[in-house]
């Protein structure tokens, strides 16, 4: 029978792809080239999902604050990504993963150093990902820690001071404490477990945010004559878009932390992550409705994030039912935490302390309660929470307090009242539009 050239040409790319991904001879790492490619590709997909989270943070923070500060917030969130990537390449990566060290602090040298040959490719992580993939995935996490601080200090922090703080915090503080667990340090040796960063990322960012807020003080008009005066955000649609972008990005944040394309484990993490978020929404909705007598959109937005932060420490090691319970408790905690911080006059415009710090602590401790791994002990999780809290808070407080004395950390009253957009940037986010909520 005469061959049809159409089908011949159609088959060529299919055959080529199949030949490429088919299991071949195993290399020194015991992994085929096809499996290595699949693993590494998933890790890169997870990386750009985490990158999308920065857009989510920018949208959420902008929506939950006033229109007159939108340009400033977008500027900060853009700059943080750039600062995080560059400082992590310069020194952060080698501080966080120093190789053999004393378990407390180590440094593998300035800049990136690709191992020769297969050592930087298929041999780097037993065929799970390459050296460069490892760096770029972890760098996205590093920038996230500073982004958490941004929301808590919004609408009154000096841009220059905040950027200096972010650079030092991401370059030095975050990677050093991160090395205690993910770099094989003393907490890792003790058995502390944090799968994707309830404490290492969210808790560290939350402790840094708390320190900065205490140094900075509340926004003008927030607490008057012992009363809490609500300062409403200017765009709930924008905030909602931000939340869904963050939820989407969390599939990469947690799913990528499997550190391979393992089908069973990645699938489990997707399920536990989503169910915890959904449970957080439901619990925060019911709790806020009962307490405030009306359904509060901002509360359920933060409720979803509370569930996500809560499950992040144990997404790979808890059962499906366990993830739901973790999310439900996180959703309740976030509501009462927001109210508590207002009651003690700690002004957090977007609820970052409640979402990332409080629920990060809860999620880390929850590993010791709900983990299916008997080696995960509650007391060890508590030691980790305390260690990260004491060191991170002290470092961030000292750094921000020093910046307060050197260059100042807060804008003037006039600048705050009129808006940071015009005073810091000379341009309004909604130029030409009439806004009713300034």
Protein backbone atom coordinates (compact mmCIF):
# COMPACT_ATOMS: atom_id res chain seq x y z
CA UNK A 1 0.00 0.00 0.00
CA UNK A 2 1.28 3.44 -0.89
CA UNK A 3 2.29 5.54 2.12
CA UNK A 4 0.37 8.74 2.74
CA UNK A 5 2.96 11.54 3.21
CA UNK A 6 0.52 13.49 5.41
CA UNK A 7 0.51 10.77 8.06
CA UNK A 8 4.26 10.34 7.72
CA UNK A 9 4.89 14.00 8.48
CA UNK A 10 2.32 13.95 11.28
CA UNK A 11 3.99 10.98 12.90
CA UNK A 12 7.51 12.39 12.86
CA UNK A 13 7.16 14.85 15.77
CA UNK A 14 5.15 12.33 17.79
CA UNK A 15 7.80 9.65 17.36
CA UNK A 16 10.53 12.17 18.20
CA UNK A 17 8.82 13.19 21.43
CA UNK A 18 8.16 9.59 22.45
CA UNK A 19 11.78 8.69 21.75
CA UNK A 20 12.90 11.59 23.90
CA UNK A 21 10.74 10.87 26.94
CA UNK A 22 10.88 7.09 26.77
CA UNK A 23 12.89 5.54 29.59
CA UNK A 24 16.45 5.07 28.45
CA UNK A 25 19.51 3.71 30.13
CA UNK A 26 19.78 4.99 33.66
CA UNK A 27 22.67 7.33 34.38
CA UNK A 28 24.81 7.53 37.51
CA UNK A 29 21.89 9.10 39.39
CA UNK A 30 19.70 6.10 38.55
CA UNK A 31 17.21 8.28 36.63
CA UNK A 32 16.40 8.18 32.92
CA UNK A 33 16.75 11.29 30.79
CA UNK A 34 12.98 11.29 30.26
CA UNK A 35 12.18 11.24 33.97
CA UNK A 36 14.81 13.89 34.63
CA UNK A 37 13.23 16.13 32.00
CA UNK A 38 9.73 15.61 33.42
CA UNK A 39 10.93 16.37 36.97
CA UNK A 40 12.82 19.48 35.95
CA UNK A 41 9.98 20.76 33.76
CA UNK A 42 7.50 20.48 36.63
CA UNK A 43 9.88 22.35 38.92
CA UNK A 44 10.11 25.19 36.39
CA UNK A 45 6.31 25.27 36.01
CA UNK A 46 6.05 25.48 39.81
CA UNK A 47 8.56 28.33 39.74
CA UNK A 48 6.49 30.50 37.45
CA UNK A 49 3.38 29.71 39.52
CA UNK A 50 5.20 31.05 42.58
CA UNK A 51 6.22 34.06 40.50
CA UNK A 52 2.54 34.73 39.78
CA UNK A 53 2.00 34.98 43.54
CA UNK A 54 3.82 38.31 43.52
CA UNK A 55 1.12 39.69 41.24
CA UNK A 56 -1.41 38.27 43.69
CA UNK A 57 0.26 40.02 46.62
CA UNK A 58 0.36 43.29 44.69
CA UNK A 59 -3.34 43.09 43.76
CA UNK A 60 -4.48 42.01 47.23
CA UNK A 61 -2.46 44.69 49.03
CA UNK A 62 -3.58 47.38 46.60
CA UNK A 63 -7.23 46.44 46.85
CA UNK A 64 -7.26 46.37 50.65
CA UNK A 65 -5.69 49.83 50.96
CA UNK A 66 -6.66 53.29 49.76
CA UNK A 67 -6.51 54.49 46.17
CA UNK A 68 -4.08 57.29 47.01
CA UNK A 69 -1.36 54.75 47.88
CA UNK A 70 -1.80 52.30 45.00
CA UNK A 71 1.19 53.35 42.90
CA UNK A 72 3.41 53.12 45.97
CA UNK A 73 2.23 49.61 46.76
CA UNK A 74 2.66 48.41 43.18
CA UNK A 75 6.14 49.95 43.09
CA UNK A 76 7.16 48.16 46.31
CA UNK A 77 5.88 44.80 45.13
CA UNK A 78 7.69 45.12 41.82
CA UNK A 79 10.96 46.22 43.40
CA UNK A 80 10.86 43.43 45.99
CA UNK A 81 10.92 40.73 43.31
CA UNK A 82 13.96 42.28 41.66
CA UNK A 83 15.76 42.84 44.97
CA UNK A 84 14.96 39.31 46.12
CA UNK A 85 16.26 37.65 42.96
CA UNK A 86 19.49 39.67 42.83
CA UNK A 87 20.40 39.43 46.52
CA UNK A 88 19.58 35.73 46.58
CA UNK A 89 21.89 35.19 43.61
CA UNK A 90 24.63 37.29 45.18
CA UNK A 91 24.73 35.64 48.61
CA UNK A 92 21.35 34.35 49.83
CA UNK A 93 21.40 31.00 48.02
CA UNK A 94 24.83 30.11 49.36
CA UNK A 95 23.89 31.24 52.87
CA UNK A 96 20.78 29.08 52.86
CA UNK A 97 22.43 26.03 51.29
CA UNK A 98 26.07 26.24 52.41
CA UNK A 99 26.79 22.51 52.28
CA UNK A 100 28.80 21.24 55.22
CA UNK A 101 28.54 23.76 58.05
CA UNK A 102 28.13 24.03 61.81
CA UNK A 103 24.32 23.86 61.62
CA UNK A 104 23.85 27.51 62.55
CA UNK A 105 25.52 29.61 59.86
CA UNK A 106 27.64 28.87 56.82
CA UNK A 107 28.51 30.44 53.49
CA UNK A 108 29.43 28.70 50.24
CA UNK A 109 30.73 31.83 48.52
CA UNK A 110 29.56 34.83 46.52
CA UNK A 111 27.40 34.34 43.45
CA UNK A 112 26.18 31.25 41.62
CA UNK A 113 28.61 28.45 40.80
CA UNK A 114 27.30 25.83 38.40
CA UNK A 115 28.87 22.41 39.05
CA UNK A 116 30.67 21.02 36.02
CA UNK A 117 29.07 18.48 33.69
CA UNK A 118 26.27 16.30 35.02
CA UNK A 119 26.94 17.66 38.49
CA UNK A 120 24.85 20.70 37.64
CA UNK A 121 22.32 18.78 35.55
CA UNK A 122 21.01 15.24 36.00
CA UNK A 123 23.46 14.49 38.79
CA UNK A 124 22.65 17.57 40.86
CA UNK A 125 19.63 16.33 42.82
CA UNK A 126 19.45 12.67 41.80
CA UNK A 127 17.65 13.59 38.60
CA UNK A 128 14.97 15.76 40.22
CA UNK A 129 16.10 19.17 38.91
CA UNK A 130 19.16 21.14 37.83
CA UNK A 131 21.32 23.54 39.83
CA UNK A 132 19.82 26.57 38.11
CA UNK A 133 16.27 25.30 38.61
CA UNK A 134 17.01 24.86 42.30
CA UNK A 135 18.23 28.44 42.53
CA UNK A 136 15.35 30.11 40.67
CA UNK A 137 12.68 28.12 42.55
CA UNK A 138 14.17 29.01 45.93
CA UNK A 139 14.74 32.64 44.91
CA UNK A 140 11.01 33.10 44.34
CA UNK A 141 10.41 31.94 47.91
CA UNK A 142 12.95 34.40 49.26
CA UNK A 143 11.24 37.39 47.67
CA UNK A 144 7.93 36.29 49.17
CA UNK A 145 9.19 36.81 52.73
CA UNK A 146 9.76 40.53 52.11
CA UNK A 147 6.44 40.88 50.28
CA UNK A 148 4.64 39.80 53.46
CA UNK A 149 6.23 42.72 55.31
CA UNK A 150 5.09 45.13 52.61
CA UNK A 151 1.40 44.62 53.33
CA UNK A 152 1.74 45.14 57.07
CA UNK A 153 3.58 48.48 56.74
CA UNK A 154 1.48 49.81 53.86
CA UNK A 155 0.31 53.42 53.60
CA UNK A 156 2.88 55.03 55.94
CA UNK A 157 6.35 53.59 55.37
CA UNK A 158 9.11 55.50 53.56
CA UNK A 159 9.87 53.78 50.28
CA UNK A 160 13.66 54.13 50.52
CA UNK A 161 13.82 52.72 54.05
CA UNK A 162 11.56 49.82 53.17
CA UNK A 163 13.68 48.87 50.14
CA UNK A 164 16.88 48.93 52.20
CA UNK A 165 15.22 46.77 54.85
CA UNK A 166 13.95 44.32 52.21
CA UNK A 167 17.38 43.95 50.62
CA UNK A 168 19.11 43.12 53.91
CA UNK A 169 16.26 40.96 55.20
CA UNK A 170 16.17 38.79 52.05
CA UNK A 171 19.93 38.70 51.55
CA UNK A 172 20.95 37.80 55.09
CA UNK A 173 18.20 37.15 57.67
CA UNK A 174 15.91 34.88 55.65
CA UNK A 175 18.63 32.58 54.23
CA UNK A 176 20.51 32.18 57.53
CA UNK A 177 17.44 31.07 59.48
CA UNK A 178 16.29 29.08 56.45
CA UNK A 179 19.50 27.06 56.53
CA UNK A 180 18.58 25.72 59.96
CA UNK A 181 15.99 23.45 58.33
CA UNK A 182 16.22 23.43 54.53
CA UNK A 183 20.00 23.74 54.49
CA UNK A 184 20.46 20.75 56.78
CA UNK A 185 21.10 22.78 59.94
CA UNK A 186 20.46 22.15 63.62
CA UNK A 187 16.65 22.16 63.42
CA UNK A 188 16.72 19.68 60.57
CA UNK A 189 18.95 17.42 62.65
CA UNK A 190 16.51 17.72 65.57
CA UNK A 191 13.62 16.56 63.34
CA UNK A 192 11.79 19.85 62.82
CA UNK A 193 9.54 19.67 59.75
CA UNK A 194 8.27 22.43 57.49
CA UNK A 195 7.41 21.09 54.05
CA UNK A 196 6.97 24.33 52.11
CA UNK A 197 7.38 27.17 54.58
CA UNK A 198 4.56 27.85 57.05
CA UNK A 199 7.34 29.06 59.32
CA UNK A 200 10.41 29.31 57.07
CA UNK A 201 8.68 31.67 54.62
CA UNK A 202 5.39 32.89 56.08
CA UNK A 203 6.41 32.86 59.72
CA UNK A 204 9.72 34.57 58.97
CA UNK A 205 7.91 37.21 56.92
CA UNK A 206 5.29 37.56 59.64
CA UNK A 207 7.82 38.05 62.44
CA UNK A 208 9.63 40.61 60.31
CA UNK A 209 6.33 42.38 59.66
CA UNK A 210 5.45 42.48 63.37
CA UNK A 211 8.81 44.04 64.21
CA UNK A 212 8.42 46.71 61.54
CA UNK A 213 4.85 47.55 62.51
CA UNK A 214 5.84 48.04 66.15
CA UNK A 215 8.64 50.42 65.18
CA UNK A 216 6.48 52.22 62.61
CA UNK A 217 3.24 52.72 64.55
CA UNK A 218 -0.36 52.80 63.25
CA UNK A 219 -1.75 54.88 60.41
CA UNK A 220 -3.14 58.30 61.22
CA UNK A 221 -6.81 58.11 62.20
CA UNK A 222 -6.83 54.36 62.77
CA UNK A 223 -7.17 54.50 66.54
CA UNK A 224 -8.97 57.56 67.94
CA UNK A 225 -10.06 58.06 71.55
CA UNK A 226 -9.69 54.37 72.27
CA UNK A 227 -11.87 53.41 69.32
CA UNK A 228 -10.91 51.45 66.19
CA UNK A 229 -11.76 53.43 63.06
CA UNK A 230 -12.04 51.20 59.97
CA UNK A 231 -9.93 52.36 57.02
CA UNK A 232 -11.53 50.62 54.07
CA UNK A 233 -9.76 49.36 50.98
CA UNK A 234 -10.57 51.03 47.68
CA UNK A 235 -11.11 47.97 45.44
CA UNK A 236 -12.55 44.70 46.64
CA UNK A 237 -12.60 43.29 43.08
CA UNK A 238 -8.83 43.88 42.89
CA UNK A 239 -8.33 42.25 46.28
CA UNK A 240 -10.40 39.24 45.21
CA UNK A 241 -8.37 38.83 42.02
CA UNK A 242 -5.26 38.95 44.18
CA UNK A 243 -6.54 36.18 46.42
CA UNK A 244 -7.29 33.86 43.50
CA UNK A 245 -3.88 34.55 41.97
CA UNK A 246 -2.29 33.60 45.28
CA UNK A 247 -4.38 30.43 45.50
CA UNK A 248 -3.28 29.54 41.97
CA UNK A 249 0.34 30.25 42.80
CA UNK A 250 0.14 28.03 45.87
CA UNK A 251 -0.11 24.99 43.62
CA UNK A 252 3.46 25.79 42.63
CA UNK A 253 4.47 26.88 46.12
CA UNK A 254 3.39 23.60 47.71
CA UNK A 255 3.35 21.35 44.66
CA UNK A 256 6.86 22.39 43.69
CA UNK A 257 8.09 21.69 47.20
CA UNK A 258 7.71 17.98 46.44
CA UNK A 259 10.98 18.69 44.57
CA UNK A 260 10.11 16.30 41.77
CA UNK A 261 7.19 15.41 39.50
CA UNK A 262 6.22 12.43 41.67
CA UNK A 263 2.61 11.84 40.49
CA UNK A 264 1.21 10.52 43.75
CA UNK A 265 2.78 13.10 46.04
CA UNK A 266 2.13 16.11 43.81
CA UNK A 267 -1.51 15.06 43.48
CA UNK A 268 -1.89 14.65 47.24
CA UNK A 269 -0.38 18.09 47.86
CA UNK A 270 -2.74 19.70 45.34
CA UNK A 271 -5.72 18.15 47.15
CA UNK A 272 -4.65 18.99 50.70
CA UNK A 273 -3.72 22.53 49.66
CA UNK A 274 -7.05 23.24 47.99
CA UNK A 275 -9.20 21.65 50.67
CA UNK A 276 -7.43 23.58 53.43
CA UNK A 277 -8.03 26.82 51.52
CA UNK A 278 -11.69 25.97 50.99
CA UNK A 279 -12.08 25.09 54.67
CA UNK A 280 -10.44 28.40 55.58
CA UNK A 281 -12.99 30.29 53.50
CA UNK A 282 -15.92 28.45 55.07
CA UNK A 283 -14.68 28.81 58.65
CA UNK A 284 -13.83 32.50 58.29
CA UNK A 285 -17.21 33.15 56.66
CA UNK A 286 -19.17 31.52 59.48
CA UNK A 287 -17.00 33.03 62.21
CA UNK A 288 -17.04 36.60 60.89
CA UNK A 289 -20.77 36.39 60.12
CA UNK A 290 -21.50 35.31 63.68
CA UNK A 291 -19.17 37.80 65.35
CA UNK A 292 -19.69 40.84 63.09
CA UNK A 293 -23.32 40.05 62.23
CA UNK A 294 -22.59 40.56 58.52
CA UNK A 295 -20.62 38.53 55.97
CA UNK A 296 -17.24 40.21 55.47
CA UNK A 297 -15.55 39.72 52.08
CA UNK A 298 -12.12 40.78 53.34
CA UNK A 299 -12.35 38.13 56.05
CA UNK A 300 -13.05 35.26 53.65
CA UNK A 301 -10.28 36.45 51.33
CA UNK A 302 -7.89 36.24 54.25
CA UNK A 303 -9.60 33.03 55.35
CA UNK A 304 -8.55 31.31 52.15
CA UNK A 305 -4.98 32.50 52.62
CA UNK A 306 -5.08 31.42 56.26
CA UNK A 307 -5.95 27.89 55.18
CA UNK A 308 -3.19 27.93 52.58
CA UNK A 309 -0.56 29.14 55.03
CA UNK A 310 -1.76 26.65 57.62
CA UNK A 311 -1.43 23.62 55.33
CA UNK A 312 1.92 24.65 53.87
CA UNK A 313 4.03 23.04 56.62
CA UNK A 314 2.45 19.61 56.30
CA UNK A 315 0.74 19.42 52.91
CA UNK A 316 2.61 16.23 52.02
CA UNK A 317 2.28 14.45 55.33
CA UNK A 318 -1.30 14.94 56.57
CA UNK A 319 -4.44 13.13 55.48
CA UNK A 320 -7.17 14.76 53.44
CA UNK A 321 -9.37 15.03 56.53
CA UNK A 322 -6.44 16.44 58.47
CA UNK A 323 -5.98 19.17 55.87
CA UNK A 324 -9.64 20.18 56.19
CA UNK A 325 -9.37 20.43 59.97
CA UNK A 326 -6.18 22.49 59.68
CA UNK A 327 -7.93 24.86 57.25
CA UNK A 328 -11.04 25.15 59.42
CA UNK A 329 -9.02 26.10 62.50
CA UNK A 330 -6.92 28.55 60.47
CA UNK A 331 -10.10 30.20 59.17
CA UNK A 332 -11.36 30.75 62.71
CA UNK A 333 -7.97 31.92 63.97
CA UNK A 334 -7.56 34.57 61.29
CA UNK A 335 -10.82 36.31 62.20
CA UNK A 336 -10.08 36.54 65.91
CA UNK A 337 -6.46 37.43 65.22
CA UNK A 338 -7.41 40.42 63.04
CA UNK A 339 -9.71 41.62 65.81
CA UNK A 340 -7.02 41.04 68.47
CA UNK A 341 -4.36 43.09 66.68
CA UNK A 342 -6.81 45.95 66.29
CA UNK A 343 -7.72 45.71 69.96
CA UNK A 344 -4.07 46.10 71.00
CA UNK A 345 -3.59 48.90 68.43
CA UNK A 346 -1.23 47.07 66.12
CA UNK A 347 -2.22 48.39 62.70
CA UNK A 348 -1.98 45.86 59.87
CA UNK A 349 -3.85 47.15 56.80
CA UNK A 350 -4.10 43.81 54.99
CA UNK A 351 -4.13 41.25 57.81
CA UNK A 352 -0.62 40.00 57.03
CA UNK A 353 0.21 39.30 60.67
CA UNK A 354 -2.92 37.23 61.15
CA UNK A 355 -2.56 35.28 57.91
CA UNK A 356 1.18 34.67 57.75
CA UNK A 357 2.39 34.83 61.34
CA UNK A 358 -0.50 33.45 63.39
CA UNK A 359 -1.60 30.84 60.85
CA UNK A 360 2.02 30.04 60.02
CA UNK A 361 2.57 29.17 63.68
CA UNK A 362 -0.62 27.11 63.71
CA UNK A 363 0.31 25.23 60.54
CA UNK A 364 3.77 24.39 61.86
CA UNK A 365 2.41 23.08 65.15
CA UNK A 366 -0.33 21.19 63.27
CA UNK A 367 2.35 18.98 61.72
CA UNK A 368 3.04 17.60 65.20
CA UNK A 369 -0.67 16.87 65.64
CA UNK A 370 -1.90 15.63 62.25
CA UNK A 371 1.19 14.26 60.49
CA UNK A 372 1.08 10.62 59.46
CA UNK A 373 4.82 10.43 60.14
CA UNK A 374 5.47 9.40 63.74
CA UNK A 375 8.85 11.14 63.66
CA UNK A 376 7.16 14.56 63.57
CA UNK A 377 6.88 15.60 67.21
CA UNK A 378 4.82 18.51 68.52
CA UNK A 379 7.52 19.62 70.98
CA UNK A 380 10.12 19.77 68.22
CA UNK A 381 7.76 21.85 66.07
CA UNK A 382 7.31 24.20 69.04
CA UNK A 383 11.07 24.55 69.46
CA UNK A 384 11.33 25.52 65.79
CA UNK A 385 8.55 28.09 66.05
CA UNK A 386 10.18 29.70 69.09
CA UNK A 387 13.66 29.70 67.56
CA UNK A 388 12.48 31.33 64.33
CA UNK A 389 10.34 33.80 66.23
CA UNK A 390 13.04 35.01 68.62
CA UNK A 391 15.83 35.35 66.07
CA UNK A 392 13.80 36.74 63.17
CA UNK A 393 11.91 39.26 65.30
CA UNK A 394 15.10 40.45 67.01
CA UNK A 395 16.98 40.79 63.72
CA UNK A 396 14.13 42.61 61.95
CA UNK A 397 13.43 44.90 64.90
CA UNK A 398 17.09 45.82 65.25
CA UNK A 399 17.48 46.46 61.54
CA UNK A 400 14.34 48.55 61.17
CA UNK A 401 15.04 50.48 64.39
CA UNK A 402 18.53 51.28 63.09
CA UNK A 403 17.03 52.50 59.81
CA UNK A 404 14.65 54.68 61.80
CA UNK A 405 17.62 56.44 63.40
CA UNK A 406 19.69 56.65 60.22
CA UNK A 407 17.20 57.62 57.51
CA UNK A 408 13.75 57.56 59.09
CA UNK A 409 11.11 54.95 58.34
CA UNK A 410 7.88 56.92 58.25
CA UNK A 411 6.55 59.58 55.88
CA UNK A 412 5.38 62.94 57.22
CA UNK A 413 1.81 63.49 58.38
CA UNK A 414 1.09 65.62 55.32
CA UNK A 415 2.44 62.95 52.98
CA UNK A 416 0.39 60.27 54.68
CA UNK A 417 -2.82 62.32 54.59
CA UNK A 418 -2.43 63.33 50.95
CA UNK A 419 -1.19 59.95 49.77
CA UNK A 420 2.16 58.36 49.02
CA UNK A 421 1.49 58.19 45.30
CA UNK A 422 1.87 61.90 44.68
CA UNK A 423 4.53 62.56 47.32
CA UNK A 424 6.77 59.53 46.74
CA UNK A 425 6.17 59.02 43.02
CA UNK A 426 4.54 62.14 41.63
CA UNK A 427 1.82 60.16 39.86
CA UNK A 428 -1.59 58.79 40.82
CA UNK A 429 -2.58 55.22 40.05
CA UNK A 430 -5.97 56.32 38.72
CA UNK A 431 -5.00 59.56 37.05
CA UNK A 432 -7.98 61.12 35.33
CA UNK A 433 -10.56 59.19 37.33
CA UNK A 434 -12.71 60.57 40.11
CA UNK A 435 -12.33 58.43 43.24
CA UNK A 436 -14.63 58.61 46.21
CA UNK A 437 -12.46 56.63 48.64
CA UNK A 438 -9.10 58.34 49.02
